[in-house]
Structures are given as C-alpha cells and as structure tokens.
C-alpha cells in the first residue's frame, strides 16, 4: 500500500494502520454475509451474533482513528502519506456504518421470523442485492489495500446495479402489500433491509472514492459516474 520511507518505523506505522483497516473490513464482510445467511434461514442465533459484533466494530473504529491522529501528530506526513492516513480514518468510518447496516438487517430478521405472513414475500431481489453488496465490499477493500484505481472505478458501476435491484424490489413490494395487507408489517421490515443493503453498497463506493483520493490527490465524492471513471482512468 505504501512506498518505503527513510524511517523504517514510519513504514511500520503505516503498514499497521493498513492491516487494522483490512481487519476491520474483514469483520464487516463477515457481518454482512452472516446477516444475509440469517435472513435466508431465519437463523436467530446467527442474527444475534451479528448484532453482538457491533461493539467490537465501534472499538476498532475508535482505535484506528486515534492511531491515525497520533501518527499525523508525530510524523507530520505530507502528500500521499497524509492522504493515506486521512483516507484510512474515513474508511473506518464507512466500515463502521456498513456494519451498522448489517446489524439492522439482523435486527429486522428477528422481527420477520416471528411473522408467518412475512415469509410469503418473494425476496429474490434482496438476496441478489445482498450477494452483490458483499462482493463489491470485498473488492473495495482489495482496491483500497492495493490502491487499485481501475478496480475502484468498476465498483461504482456495480453499485448502480444494487440500486436497480432496490428500486425493483420497492415496486414489487408496493404491489404485494396492496394485495396482501396482512404482510404489511414484515414488508416494511424487508424494505428496511433492502435499504440497508443499498447503503452498504454506497459505503463500498465511498471506499472506492478514497482510493482515487489517495492515488490521485483528487476528491471525487460528488462527481457523476462518468466523471469519476474519467478521473480514475486518466493517464
């Protein structure tokens, strides 16, 4: 992730931060996968495991953020090193929020499991979007670890596919609730789950944007997809 510096201790500091960010990312990936498995099987024990991991994520965010601040204060880095530390701090914020969304999926799963009517709802789009969100989160973390600009650009395109699944599910759910009023409670829970998955995709996109920021020194947060790709892939 980083070039060699004159100070081997500085290299060690940066690599330690990178390792902690990826460790936290791995935990969030696991949370999302387990949350979707809990939903697919109505596995309440697994849902509880996802919910319980929130405290660990919060502690990791605070720890990494504090360490980034300490390194900036001690080393006074410049250019790409400073951008990397700032991006790492922003990355863990996005990961913590993605973990919050996984927790929401697990909590809503517990509610749906108690409502037999809710199990009548076809949730194919949710299951597919959950798989897609897990995949792009994994690739976003990989792109962040390797500062892979091309990989980051691909994530933005894939996030749009998650958004399309979300919109398709909303249309189908509205029609289903109109025909089956007794499913409204669980249908709303599914709507919250679909929204949580869509937001996880957004957080993966934010990680991809941070890759461009570190590698190019350009803030691409508010660019269109086309502008983002042009900036990412320019020579």
C-alpha atoms as a PDB file:
ATOM      1  CA  UNK A   1       0.000   0.000   0.000  1.00  0.00           C
ATOM      2  CA  UNK A   2       2.861   2.410   0.682  1.00  0.00           C
ATOM      3  CA  UNK A   3       6.331   3.184  -0.648  1.00  0.00           C
ATOM      4  CA  UNK A   4       9.418   2.765   1.522  1.00  0.00           C
ATOM      5  CA  UNK A   5      10.467   5.679   3.715  1.00  0.00           C
ATOM      6  CA  UNK A   6      13.763   6.644   5.286  1.00  0.00           C
ATOM      7  CA  UNK A   7      12.259   5.830   8.680  1.00  0.00           C
ATOM      8  CA  UNK A   8      11.519   2.126   8.952  1.00  0.00           C
ATOM      9  CA  UNK A   9       9.333   2.921  11.970  1.00  0.00           C
ATOM     10  CA  UNK A  10       7.159   5.174   9.800  1.00  0.00           C
ATOM     11  CA  UNK A  11       6.757   2.303   7.329  1.00  0.00           C
ATOM     12  CA  UNK A  12       5.797   0.076  10.230  1.00  0.00           C
ATOM     13  CA  UNK A  13       3.227   2.609  11.440  1.00  0.00           C
ATOM     14  CA  UNK A  14       1.595   2.857   8.018  1.00  0.00           C
ATOM     15  CA  UNK A  15       1.514  -0.888   7.477  1.00  0.00           C
ATOM     16  CA  UNK A  16      -0.005  -1.393  10.919  1.00  0.00           C
ATOM     17  CA  UNK A  17      -2.801   1.059  10.082  1.00  0.00           C
ATOM     18  CA  UNK A  18      -3.403  -0.674   6.751  1.00  0.00           C
ATOM     19  CA  UNK A  19      -3.596  -4.061   8.447  1.00  0.00           C
ATOM     20  CA  UNK A  20      -6.064  -2.799  11.032  1.00  0.00           C
ATOM     21  CA  UNK A  21      -8.293  -1.235   8.374  1.00  0.00           C
ATOM     22  CA  UNK A  22      -8.375  -4.504   6.444  1.00  0.00           C
ATOM     23  CA  UNK A  23      -9.015  -6.491   9.633  1.00  0.00           C
ATOM     24  CA  UNK A  24     -11.987  -4.257  10.383  1.00  0.00           C
ATOM     25  CA  UNK A  25     -13.142  -4.623   6.789  1.00  0.00           C
ATOM     26  CA  UNK A  26     -12.980  -8.392   7.106  1.00  0.00           C
ATOM     27  CA  UNK A  27     -15.210  -8.252  10.167  1.00  0.00           C
ATOM     28  CA  UNK A  28     -17.774  -6.115   8.321  1.00  0.00           C
ATOM     29  CA  UNK A  29     -17.713  -8.532   5.377  1.00  0.00           C
ATOM     30  CA  UNK A  30     -18.359 -11.386   7.778  1.00  0.00           C
ATOM     31  CA  UNK A  31     -21.202  -9.459   9.403  1.00  0.00           C
ATOM     32  CA  UNK A  32     -22.928  -8.882   6.076  1.00  0.00           C
ATOM     33  CA  UNK A  33     -22.559 -12.477   4.937  1.00  0.00           C
ATOM     34  CA  UNK A  34     -23.855 -13.764   8.259  1.00  0.00           C
ATOM     35  CA  UNK A  35     -26.725 -11.265   8.284  1.00  0.00           C
ATOM     36  CA  UNK A  36     -27.848 -12.459   4.849  1.00  0.00           C
ATOM     37  CA  UNK A  37     -27.498 -16.099   5.903  1.00  0.00           C
ATOM     38  CA  UNK A  38     -29.588 -15.357   8.996  1.00  0.00           C
ATOM     39  CA  UNK A  39     -32.256 -13.792   6.783  1.00  0.00           C
ATOM     40  CA  UNK A  40     -32.244 -16.655   4.299  1.00  0.00           C
ATOM     41  CA  UNK A  41     -32.676 -19.286   7.021  1.00  0.00           C
ATOM     42  CA  UNK A  42     -34.302 -17.168   9.749  1.00  0.00           C
ATOM     43  CA  UNK A  43     -31.372 -18.200  11.922  1.00  0.00           C
ATOM     44  CA  UNK A  44     -31.853 -16.108  15.048  1.00  0.00           C
ATOM     45  CA  UNK A  45     -28.660 -17.321  16.713  1.00  0.00           C
ATOM     46  CA  UNK A  46     -26.646 -16.077  13.758  1.00  0.00           C
ATOM     47  CA  UNK A  47     -28.602 -12.813  13.754  1.00  0.00           C
ATOM     48  CA  UNK A  48     -27.705 -12.313  17.415  1.00  0.00           C
ATOM     49  CA  UNK A  49     -24.029 -12.902  16.600  1.00  0.00           C
ATOM     50  CA  UNK A  50     -24.122 -10.104  14.002  1.00  0.00           C
ATOM     51  CA  UNK A  51     -25.817  -7.740  16.451  1.00  0.00           C
ATOM     52  CA  UNK A  52     -23.285  -8.507  19.200  1.00  0.00           C
ATOM     53  CA  UNK A  53     -20.317  -7.679  16.976  1.00  0.00           C
ATOM     54  CA  UNK A  54     -21.262  -4.001  16.837  1.00  0.00           C
ATOM     55  CA  UNK A  55     -19.292  -3.216  19.998  1.00  0.00           C
ATOM     56  CA  UNK A  56     -16.119  -4.717  18.529  1.00  0.00           C
ATOM     57  CA  UNK A  57     -16.518  -2.636  15.368  1.00  0.00           C
ATOM     58  CA  UNK A  58     -17.011   0.532  17.385  1.00  0.00           C
ATOM     59  CA  UNK A  59     -13.855  -0.169  19.375  1.00  0.00           C
ATOM     60  CA  UNK A  60     -11.863  -0.833  16.212  1.00  0.00           C
ATOM     61  CA  UNK A  61     -13.047   2.443  14.658  1.00  0.00           C
ATOM     62  CA  UNK A  62     -12.000   4.455  17.711  1.00  0.00           C
ATOM     63  CA  UNK A  63      -8.643   2.678  17.951  1.00  0.00           C
ATOM     64  CA  UNK A  64      -7.701   3.149  14.285  1.00  0.00           C
ATOM     65  CA  UNK A  65      -8.912   6.744  14.201  1.00  0.00           C
ATOM     66  CA  UNK A  66      -6.839   7.589  17.282  1.00  0.00           C
ATOM     67  CA  UNK A  67      -3.763   5.901  15.848  1.00  0.00           C
ATOM     68  CA  UNK A  68      -4.090   7.818  12.568  1.00  0.00           C
ATOM     69  CA  UNK A  69      -4.239  11.055  14.553  1.00  0.00           C
ATOM     70  CA  UNK A  70      -1.205  10.108  16.630  1.00  0.00           C
ATOM     71  CA  UNK A  71       0.868   9.281  13.548  1.00  0.00           C
ATOM     72  CA  UNK A  72      -0.070  12.576  11.895  1.00  0.00           C
ATOM     73  CA  UNK A  73       0.937  14.453  15.051  1.00  0.00           C
ATOM     74  CA  UNK A  74       4.233  12.599  15.481  1.00  0.00           C
ATOM     75  CA  UNK A  75       5.350  12.201  11.864  1.00  0.00           C
ATOM     76  CA  UNK A  76       3.772  15.271  10.242  1.00  0.00           C
ATOM     77  CA  UNK A  77       3.391  13.399   6.915  1.00  0.00           C
ATOM     78  CA  UNK A  78       2.826  15.168   3.619  1.00  0.00           C
ATOM     79  CA  UNK A  79       1.394  14.399   0.168  1.00  0.00           C
ATOM     80  CA  UNK A  80       0.279  10.797  -0.382  1.00  0.00           C
ATOM     81  CA  UNK A  81       1.230   9.680   3.143  1.00  0.00           C
ATOM     82  CA  UNK A  82      -1.042  12.301   4.684  1.00  0.00           C
ATOM     83  CA  UNK A  83      -3.825  11.420   2.223  1.00  0.00           C
ATOM     84  CA  UNK A  84      -3.445   7.747   3.108  1.00  0.00           C
ATOM     85  CA  UNK A  85      -3.847   8.408   6.817  1.00  0.00           C
ATOM     86  CA  UNK A  86      -6.811  10.708   6.277  1.00  0.00           C
ATOM     87  CA  UNK A  87      -8.382   8.164   3.920  1.00  0.00           C
ATOM     88  CA  UNK A  88      -7.839   5.378   6.456  1.00  0.00           C
ATOM     89  CA  UNK A  89      -9.709   7.400   9.060  1.00  0.00           C
ATOM     90  CA  UNK A  90     -12.580   7.973   6.643  1.00  0.00           C
ATOM     91  CA  UNK A  91     -12.501   4.319   5.578  1.00  0.00           C
ATOM     92  CA  UNK A  92     -13.079   3.033   9.098  1.00  0.00           C
ATOM     93  CA  UNK A  93     -15.998   5.441   9.497  1.00  0.00           C
ATOM     94  CA  UNK A  94     -17.580   3.956   6.381  1.00  0.00           C
ATOM     95  CA  UNK A  95     -16.858   0.432   7.582  1.00  0.00           C
ATOM     96  CA  UNK A  96     -18.445   1.114  10.969  1.00  0.00           C
ATOM     97  CA  UNK A  97     -21.544   2.458   9.248  1.00  0.00           C
ATOM     98  CA  UNK A  98     -21.671  -0.533   6.910  1.00  0.00           C
ATOM     99  CA  UNK A  99     -21.501  -2.735   9.998  1.00  0.00           C
ATOM    100  CA  UNK A 100     -24.410  -0.782  11.462  1.00  0.00           C
ATOM    101  CA  UNK A 101     -26.420  -1.601   8.334  1.00  0.00           C
ATOM    102  CA  UNK A 102     -25.588  -5.305   8.679  1.00  0.00           C
ATOM    103  CA  UNK A 103     -26.798  -5.115  12.289  1.00  0.00           C
ATOM    104  CA  UNK A 104     -30.055  -3.556  11.083  1.00  0.00           C
ATOM    105  CA  UNK A 105     -30.544  -6.490   8.690  1.00  0.00           C
ATOM    106  CA  UNK A 106     -30.083  -8.895  11.583  1.00  0.00           C
ATOM    107  CA  UNK A 107     -32.494  -6.999  13.845  1.00  0.00           C
ATOM    108  CA  UNK A 108     -35.190  -6.854  11.168  1.00  0.00           C
ATOM    109  CA  UNK A 109     -34.678 -10.572  10.502  1.00  0.00           C
ATOM    110  CA  UNK A 110     -35.614 -11.272  14.114  1.00  0.00           C
ATOM    111  CA  UNK A 111     -38.890  -9.395  13.633  1.00  0.00           C
ATOM    112  CA  UNK A 112     -39.757 -11.118  10.361  1.00  0.00           C
ATOM    113  CA  UNK A 113     -39.047 -14.549  11.841  1.00  0.00           C
ATOM    114  CA  UNK A 114     -41.940 -14.017  14.273  1.00  0.00           C
ATOM    115  CA  UNK A 115     -44.422 -13.251  11.475  1.00  0.00           C
ATOM    116  CA  UNK A 116     -45.503 -16.206   9.338  1.00  0.00           C
ATOM    117  CA  UNK A 117     -47.223 -13.882   6.861  1.00  0.00           C
ATOM    118  CA  UNK A 118     -43.921 -12.175   6.129  1.00  0.00           C
ATOM    119  CA  UNK A 119     -42.426 -15.414   4.881  1.00  0.00           C
ATOM    120  CA  UNK A 120     -44.823 -15.316   1.925  1.00  0.00           C
ATOM    121  CA  UNK A 121     -42.972 -12.355   0.398  1.00  0.00           C
ATOM    122  CA  UNK A 122     -40.681 -13.110  -2.543  1.00  0.00           C
ATOM    123  CA  UNK A 123     -37.341 -11.557  -1.668  1.00  0.00           C
ATOM    124  CA  UNK A 124     -35.256 -12.620  -4.670  1.00  0.00           C
ATOM    125  CA  UNK A 125     -34.055  -9.058  -5.271  1.00  0.00           C
ATOM    126  CA  UNK A 126     -32.955  -8.672  -1.653  1.00  0.00           C
ATOM    127  CA  UNK A 127     -30.982 -11.891  -1.741  1.00  0.00           C
ATOM    128  CA  UNK A 128     -29.307 -10.943  -5.012  1.00  0.00           C
ATOM    129  CA  UNK A 129     -28.514  -7.397  -3.893  1.00  0.00           C
ATOM    130  CA  UNK A 130     -27.067  -8.776  -0.636  1.00  0.00           C
ATOM    131  CA  UNK A 131     -24.703 -11.004  -2.605  1.00  0.00           C
ATOM    132  CA  UNK A 132     -23.758  -8.085  -4.828  1.00  0.00           C
ATOM    133  CA  UNK A 133     -23.124  -5.797  -1.846  1.00  0.00           C
ATOM    134  CA  UNK A 134     -20.876  -8.392  -0.197  1.00  0.00           C
ATOM    135  CA  UNK A 135     -18.944  -8.789  -3.457  1.00  0.00           C
ATOM    136  CA  UNK A 136     -18.325  -5.091  -4.037  1.00  0.00           C
ATOM    137  CA  UNK A 137     -17.429  -4.517  -0.393  1.00  0.00           C
ATOM    138  CA  UNK A 138     -14.779  -7.222  -0.729  1.00  0.00           C
ATOM    139  CA  UNK A 139     -13.474  -5.694  -3.953  1.00  0.00           C
ATOM    140  CA  UNK A 140     -13.500  -2.197  -2.457  1.00  0.00           C
ATOM    141  CA  UNK A 141     -11.315  -3.384   0.413  1.00  0.00           C
ATOM    142  CA  UNK A 142      -8.994  -5.106  -2.050  1.00  0.00           C
ATOM    143  CA  UNK A 143      -8.793  -1.940  -4.161  1.00  0.00           C
ATOM    144  CA  UNK A 144      -8.060   0.111  -1.034  1.00  0.00           C
ATOM    145  CA  UNK A 145      -5.311  -2.286   0.045  1.00  0.00           C
ATOM    146  CA  UNK A 146      -3.621  -2.210  -3.382  1.00  0.00           C
ATOM    147  CA  UNK A 147      -4.649   1.338  -4.398  1.00  0.00           C
ATOM    148  CA  UNK A 148      -6.154  -0.260  -7.486  1.00  0.00           C
ATOM    149  CA  UNK A 149      -7.651   2.640  -9.432  1.00  0.00           C
ATOM    150  CA  UNK A 150      -9.234   0.520 -12.182  1.00  0.00           C
ATOM    151  CA  UNK A 151     -10.817  -1.733  -9.582  1.00  0.00           C
ATOM    152  CA  UNK A 152     -12.213   1.295  -7.777  1.00  0.00           C
ATOM    153  CA  UNK A 153     -13.842   2.548 -10.993  1.00  0.00           C
ATOM    154  CA  UNK A 154     -15.536  -0.828 -11.518  1.00  0.00           C
ATOM    155  CA  UNK A 155     -17.122  -0.676  -8.052  1.00  0.00           C
ATOM    156  CA  UNK A 156     -19.034   2.485  -8.914  1.00  0.00           C
ATOM    157  CA  UNK A 157     -20.634   0.746 -11.911  1.00  0.00           C
ATOM    158  CA  UNK A 158     -21.571  -2.285  -9.815  1.00  0.00           C
ATOM    159  CA  UNK A 159     -23.154  -0.162  -7.089  1.00  0.00           C
ATOM    160  CA  UNK A 160     -25.655   1.110  -9.662  1.00  0.00           C
ATOM    161  CA  UNK A 161     -26.774  -2.487 -10.210  1.00  0.00           C
ATOM    162  CA  UNK A 162     -27.569  -2.768  -6.484  1.00  0.00           C
ATOM    163  CA  UNK A 163     -29.599   0.427  -6.729  1.00  0.00           C
ATOM    164  CA  UNK A 164     -31.576  -1.078  -9.630  1.00  0.00           C
ATOM    165  CA  UNK A 165     -32.386  -4.187  -7.584  1.00  0.00           C
ATOM    166  CA  UNK A 166     -33.512  -1.949  -4.715  1.00  0.00           C
ATOM    167  CA  UNK A 167     -35.869   0.010  -6.968  1.00  0.00           C
ATOM    168  CA  UNK A 168     -37.265  -3.186  -8.493  1.00  0.00           C
ATOM    169  CA  UNK A 169     -37.970  -4.629  -5.051  1.00  0.00           C
ATOM    170  CA  UNK A 170     -39.714  -1.456  -3.910  1.00  0.00           C
ATOM    171  CA  UNK A 171     -42.061  -1.579  -6.911  1.00  0.00           C
ATOM    172  CA  UNK A 172     -42.852  -5.246  -6.338  1.00  0.00           C
ATOM    173  CA  UNK A 173     -43.320  -4.769  -2.603  1.00  0.00           C
ATOM    174  CA  UNK A 174     -45.796  -1.928  -3.038  1.00  0.00           C
ATOM    175  CA  UNK A 175     -47.977  -4.092  -5.288  1.00  0.00           C
ATOM    176  CA  UNK A 176     -47.709  -7.084  -2.945  1.00  0.00           C
ATOM    177  CA  UNK A 177     -48.736  -5.075   0.135  1.00  0.00           C
ATOM    178  CA  UNK A 178     -51.784  -3.754  -1.702  1.00  0.00           C
ATOM    179  CA  UNK A 179     -52.898  -7.315  -2.458  1.00  0.00           C
ATOM    180  CA  UNK A 180     -51.894  -8.799   0.926  1.00  0.00           C
ATOM    181  CA  UNK A 181     -52.476  -6.261   3.733  1.00  0.00           C
ATOM    182  CA  UNK A 182     -51.604  -8.760   6.479  1.00  0.00           C
ATOM    183  CA  UNK A 183     -47.995  -8.783   5.238  1.00  0.00           C
ATOM    184  CA  UNK A 184     -47.518  -5.037   5.621  1.00  0.00           C
ATOM    185  CA  UNK A 185     -45.565  -5.226   8.887  1.00  0.00           C
ATOM    186  CA  UNK A 186     -42.995  -7.684   7.548  1.00  0.00           C
ATOM    187  CA  UNK A 187     -42.976  -5.980   4.163  1.00  0.00           C
ATOM    188  CA  UNK A 188     -41.825  -2.788   5.854  1.00  0.00           C
ATOM    189  CA  UNK A 189     -39.108  -4.744   7.633  1.00  0.00           C
ATOM    190  CA  UNK A 190     -37.967  -6.103   4.272  1.00  0.00           C
ATOM    191  CA  UNK A 191     -37.977  -2.562   2.929  1.00  0.00           C
ATOM    192  CA  UNK A 192     -35.614  -1.507   5.728  1.00  0.00           C
ATOM    193  CA  UNK A 193     -33.394  -4.489   4.912  1.00  0.00           C
ATOM    194  CA  UNK A 194     -33.290  -3.583   1.217  1.00  0.00           C
ATOM    195  CA  UNK A 195     -32.403  -0.013   2.162  1.00  0.00           C
ATOM    196  CA  UNK A 196     -29.612  -1.238   4.474  1.00  0.00           C
ATOM    197  CA  UNK A 197     -28.108  -3.316   1.667  1.00  0.00           C
ATOM    198  CA  UNK A 198     -28.281  -0.354  -0.703  1.00  0.00           C
ATOM    199  CA  UNK A 199     -26.431   1.785   1.855  1.00  0.00           C
ATOM    200  CA  UNK A 200     -23.723  -0.856   2.251  1.00  0.00           C
ATOM    201  CA  UNK A 201     -23.169  -0.562  -1.489  1.00  0.00           C
ATOM    202  CA  UNK A 202     -22.865   3.193  -1.026  1.00  0.00           C
ATOM    203  CA  UNK A 203     -20.225   2.722   1.670  1.00  0.00           C
ATOM    204  CA  UNK A 204     -18.276   0.394  -0.642  1.00  0.00           C
ATOM    205  CA  UNK A 205     -18.422   3.147  -3.263  1.00  0.00           C
ATOM    206  CA  UNK A 206     -17.094   5.623  -0.701  1.00  0.00           C
ATOM    207  CA  UNK A 207     -14.117   3.319  -0.144  1.00  0.00           C
ATOM    208  CA  UNK A 208     -13.523   3.279  -3.893  1.00  0.00           C
ATOM    209  CA  UNK A 209     -13.578   7.073  -3.959  1.00  0.00           C
ATOM    210  CA  UNK A 210     -10.933   7.123  -1.233  1.00  0.00           C
ATOM    211  CA  UNK A 211      -8.672   5.020  -3.450  1.00  0.00           C
ATOM    212  CA  UNK A 212      -8.773   7.767  -6.082  1.00  0.00           C
ATOM    213  CA  UNK A 213      -8.163  10.395  -3.425  1.00  0.00           C
ATOM    214  CA  UNK A 214      -5.029   8.650  -2.150  1.00  0.00           C
ATOM    215  CA  UNK A 215      -3.649   7.750  -5.567  1.00  0.00           C
ATOM    216  CA  UNK A 216      -4.562  10.921  -7.487  1.00  0.00           C
ATOM    217  CA  UNK A 217      -4.998  13.537  -4.799  1.00  0.00           C
ATOM    218  CA  UNK A 218      -8.440  14.307  -6.241  1.00  0.00           C
ATOM    219  CA  UNK A 219     -11.693  14.445  -4.297  1.00  0.00           C
ATOM    220  CA  UNK A 220     -14.234  12.628  -6.488  1.00  0.00           C
ATOM    221  CA  UNK A 221     -17.075  12.326  -3.970  1.00  0.00           C
ATOM    222  CA  UNK A 222     -19.574  14.466  -5.848  1.00  0.00           C
ATOM    223  CA  UNK A 223     -18.690  13.610  -9.441  1.00  0.00           C
ATOM    224  CA  UNK A 224     -21.006  11.736 -11.775  1.00  0.00           C
ATOM    225  CA  UNK A 225     -20.173   8.134 -12.616  1.00  0.00           C
ATOM    226  CA  UNK A 226     -18.768   9.208 -15.987  1.00  0.00           C
ATOM    227  CA  UNK A 227     -16.618  11.931 -14.424  1.00  0.00           C
ATOM    228  CA  UNK A 228     -15.438   9.503 -11.746  1.00  0.00           C
ATOM    229  CA  UNK A 229     -14.351   6.960 -14.348  1.00  0.00           C
ATOM    230  CA  UNK A 230     -12.567   9.594 -16.436  1.00  0.00           C
ATOM    231  CA  UNK A 231     -10.651  10.770 -13.389  1.00  0.00           C
ATOM    232  CA  UNK A 232      -9.857   7.221 -12.270  1.00  0.00           C
ATOM    233  CA  UNK A 233      -8.635   6.002 -15.633  1.00  0.00           C
ATOM    234  CA  UNK A 234      -6.791   9.075 -16.922  1.00  0.00           C
ATOM    235  CA  UNK A 235      -3.078   8.686 -17.616  1.00  0.00           C
END
